């Protein structure tokens, strides 16, 4: 744990400078003001959502490739007649 009076930052963050065209920058300002967010918070959230979207897209691709490489065999997921319904209590 990092102590508050140490020279190390409490949270590990890196600063990033990126260039936006005027239209995107103006839109960013309008949206963040309307939402009551800072530009930094908005961009952090947007990047987080996009990274998660890309992760899900990659997982979908990996699942698809797995089933293409090892297709389901006929009967592989067939259930016995006694396991097709909930048990009687």
C-alpha atoms as a PDB file:
ATOM      1  CA  UNK A   1       0.000   0.000   0.000  1.00  0.00           C
ATOM      2  CA  UNK A   2       1.295   3.448  -0.874  1.00  0.00           C
ATOM      3  CA  UNK A   3       1.215   5.996   1.920  1.00  0.00           C
ATOM      4  CA  UNK A   4      -0.436   9.348   1.236  1.00  0.00           C
ATOM      5  CA  UNK A   5       2.689  11.356   2.121  1.00  0.00           C
ATOM      6  CA  UNK A   6       5.035   9.373  -0.129  1.00  0.00           C
ATOM      7  CA  UNK A   7       6.270  10.773  -3.425  1.00  0.00           C
ATOM      8  CA  UNK A   8       4.573   7.963  -5.364  1.00  0.00           C
ATOM      9  CA  UNK A   9       1.128   8.709  -6.844  1.00  0.00           C
ATOM     10  CA  UNK A  10      -1.779   7.085  -5.025  1.00  0.00           C
ATOM     11  CA  UNK A  11      -3.254   5.856  -8.317  1.00  0.00           C
ATOM     12  CA  UNK A  12      -1.152   4.652 -11.177  1.00  0.00           C
ATOM     13  CA  UNK A  13      -2.150   6.795 -14.138  1.00  0.00           C
ATOM     14  CA  UNK A  14      -0.406   7.850 -17.299  1.00  0.00           C
ATOM     15  CA  UNK A  15      -1.065  10.995 -19.223  1.00  0.00           C
ATOM     16  CA  UNK A  16      -1.841  10.749 -22.911  1.00  0.00           C
ATOM     17  CA  UNK A  17      -2.015  13.517 -25.487  1.00  0.00           C
ATOM     18  CA  UNK A  18      -3.936  12.797 -28.670  1.00  0.00           C
ATOM     19  CA  UNK A  19      -4.986  15.040 -31.522  1.00  0.00           C
ATOM     20  CA  UNK A  20      -8.655  15.446 -32.457  1.00  0.00           C
ATOM     21  CA  UNK A  21      -9.985  17.396 -35.398  1.00  0.00           C
ATOM     22  CA  UNK A  22     -12.014  20.505 -34.564  1.00  0.00           C
ATOM     23  CA  UNK A  23     -15.388  18.858 -35.222  1.00  0.00           C
ATOM     24  CA  UNK A  24     -14.700  15.946 -32.879  1.00  0.00           C
ATOM     25  CA  UNK A  25     -13.270  18.217 -30.229  1.00  0.00           C
ATOM     26  CA  UNK A  26     -16.319  20.494 -30.391  1.00  0.00           C
ATOM     27  CA  UNK A  27     -18.650  17.472 -30.194  1.00  0.00           C
ATOM     28  CA  UNK A  28     -16.670  16.128 -27.232  1.00  0.00           C
ATOM     29  CA  UNK A  29     -17.003  19.460 -25.433  1.00  0.00           C
ATOM     30  CA  UNK A  30     -20.769  19.598 -26.083  1.00  0.00           C
ATOM     31  CA  UNK A  31     -21.398  16.037 -24.936  1.00  0.00           C
ATOM     32  CA  UNK A  32     -19.248  16.194 -21.830  1.00  0.00           C
ATOM     33  CA  UNK A  33     -20.811  19.482 -20.779  1.00  0.00           C
ATOM     34  CA  UNK A  34     -24.317  18.080 -21.293  1.00  0.00           C
ATOM     35  CA  UNK A  35     -23.411  14.971 -19.288  1.00  0.00           C
ATOM     36  CA  UNK A  36     -21.612  16.885 -16.551  1.00  0.00           C
ATOM     37  CA  UNK A  37     -18.397  14.945 -17.143  1.00  0.00           C
ATOM     38  CA  UNK A  38     -14.843  15.991 -17.726  1.00  0.00           C
ATOM     39  CA  UNK A  39     -13.352  15.232 -21.137  1.00  0.00           C
ATOM     40  CA  UNK A  40     -10.889  12.890 -19.435  1.00  0.00           C
ATOM     41  CA  UNK A  41     -13.658  10.907 -17.716  1.00  0.00           C
ATOM     42  CA  UNK A  42     -15.630  10.651 -20.957  1.00  0.00           C
ATOM     43  CA  UNK A  43     -12.604   9.459 -22.933  1.00  0.00           C
ATOM     44  CA  UNK A  44     -11.616   6.957 -20.192  1.00  0.00           C
ATOM     45  CA  UNK A  45     -15.133   5.484 -20.231  1.00  0.00           C
ATOM     46  CA  UNK A  46     -15.246   5.382 -24.038  1.00  0.00           C
ATOM     47  CA  UNK A  47     -11.862   3.665 -24.256  1.00  0.00           C
ATOM     48  CA  UNK A  48     -12.900   1.150 -21.593  1.00  0.00           C
ATOM     49  CA  UNK A  49     -16.122   0.316 -23.463  1.00  0.00           C
ATOM     50  CA  UNK A  50     -14.273  -0.080 -26.767  1.00  0.00           C
ATOM     51  CA  UNK A  51     -11.593  -2.303 -25.228  1.00  0.00           C
ATOM     52  CA  UNK A  52     -14.322  -4.513 -23.727  1.00  0.00           C
ATOM     53  CA  UNK A  53     -16.140  -4.612 -27.102  1.00  0.00           C
ATOM     54  CA  UNK A  54     -12.946  -5.704 -28.823  1.00  0.00           C
ATOM     55  CA  UNK A  55     -12.351  -8.366 -26.148  1.00  0.00           C
ATOM     56  CA  UNK A  56     -15.851  -9.790 -26.709  1.00  0.00           C
ATOM     57  CA  UNK A  57     -15.337  -9.697 -30.473  1.00  0.00           C
ATOM     58  CA  UNK A  58     -12.081 -11.641 -30.054  1.00  0.00           C
ATOM     59  CA  UNK A  59     -13.750 -14.223 -27.780  1.00  0.00           C
ATOM     60  CA  UNK A  60     -16.556 -14.690 -30.336  1.00  0.00           C
ATOM     61  CA  UNK A  61     -13.965 -15.241 -33.061  1.00  0.00           C
ATOM     62  CA  UNK A  62     -12.102 -17.774 -30.905  1.00  0.00           C
ATOM     63  CA  UNK A  63     -15.313 -19.690 -30.112  1.00  0.00           C
ATOM     64  CA  UNK A  64     -16.239 -19.764 -33.800  1.00  0.00           C
ATOM     65  CA  UNK A  65     -12.770 -20.993 -34.784  1.00  0.00           C
ATOM     66  CA  UNK A  66     -12.939 -23.668 -32.090  1.00  0.00           C
ATOM     67  CA  UNK A  67     -16.249 -25.032 -33.361  1.00  0.00           C
ATOM     68  CA  UNK A  68     -14.970 -24.889 -36.954  1.00  0.00           C
ATOM     69  CA  UNK A  69     -11.896 -26.873 -35.917  1.00  0.00           C
ATOM     70  CA  UNK A  70     -13.828 -29.287 -33.667  1.00  0.00           C
ATOM     71  CA  UNK A  71     -17.455 -29.389 -34.890  1.00  0.00           C
ATOM     72  CA  UNK A  72     -20.208 -30.795 -32.709  1.00  0.00           C
ATOM     73  CA  UNK A  73     -20.682 -34.484 -33.382  1.00  0.00           C
ATOM     74  CA  UNK A  74     -24.193 -35.876 -33.916  1.00  0.00           C
ATOM     75  CA  UNK A  75     -25.609 -36.917 -30.554  1.00  0.00           C
ATOM     76  CA  UNK A  76     -22.894 -35.095 -28.606  1.00  0.00           C
ATOM     77  CA  UNK A  77     -25.429 -33.037 -26.659  1.00  0.00           C
ATOM     78  CA  UNK A  78     -28.376 -35.423 -26.698  1.00  0.00           C
ATOM     79  CA  UNK A  79     -29.955 -35.953 -23.309  1.00  0.00           C
ATOM     80  CA  UNK A  80     -31.393 -39.128 -21.916  1.00  0.00           C
ATOM     81  CA  UNK A  81     -35.179 -39.106 -21.562  1.00  0.00           C
ATOM     82  CA  UNK A  82     -34.982 -38.994 -17.748  1.00  0.00           C
ATOM     83  CA  UNK A  83     -32.769 -35.878 -17.729  1.00  0.00           C
ATOM     84  CA  UNK A  84     -34.970 -33.759 -20.006  1.00  0.00           C
ATOM     85  CA  UNK A  85     -37.246 -32.509 -17.222  1.00  0.00           C
ATOM     86  CA  UNK A  86     -36.929 -31.263 -13.665  1.00  0.00           C
ATOM     87  CA  UNK A  87     -37.000 -33.993 -11.042  1.00  0.00           C
ATOM     88  CA  UNK A  88     -40.136 -34.519  -8.975  1.00  0.00           C
ATOM     89  CA  UNK A  89     -39.555 -33.553  -5.347  1.00  0.00           C
END
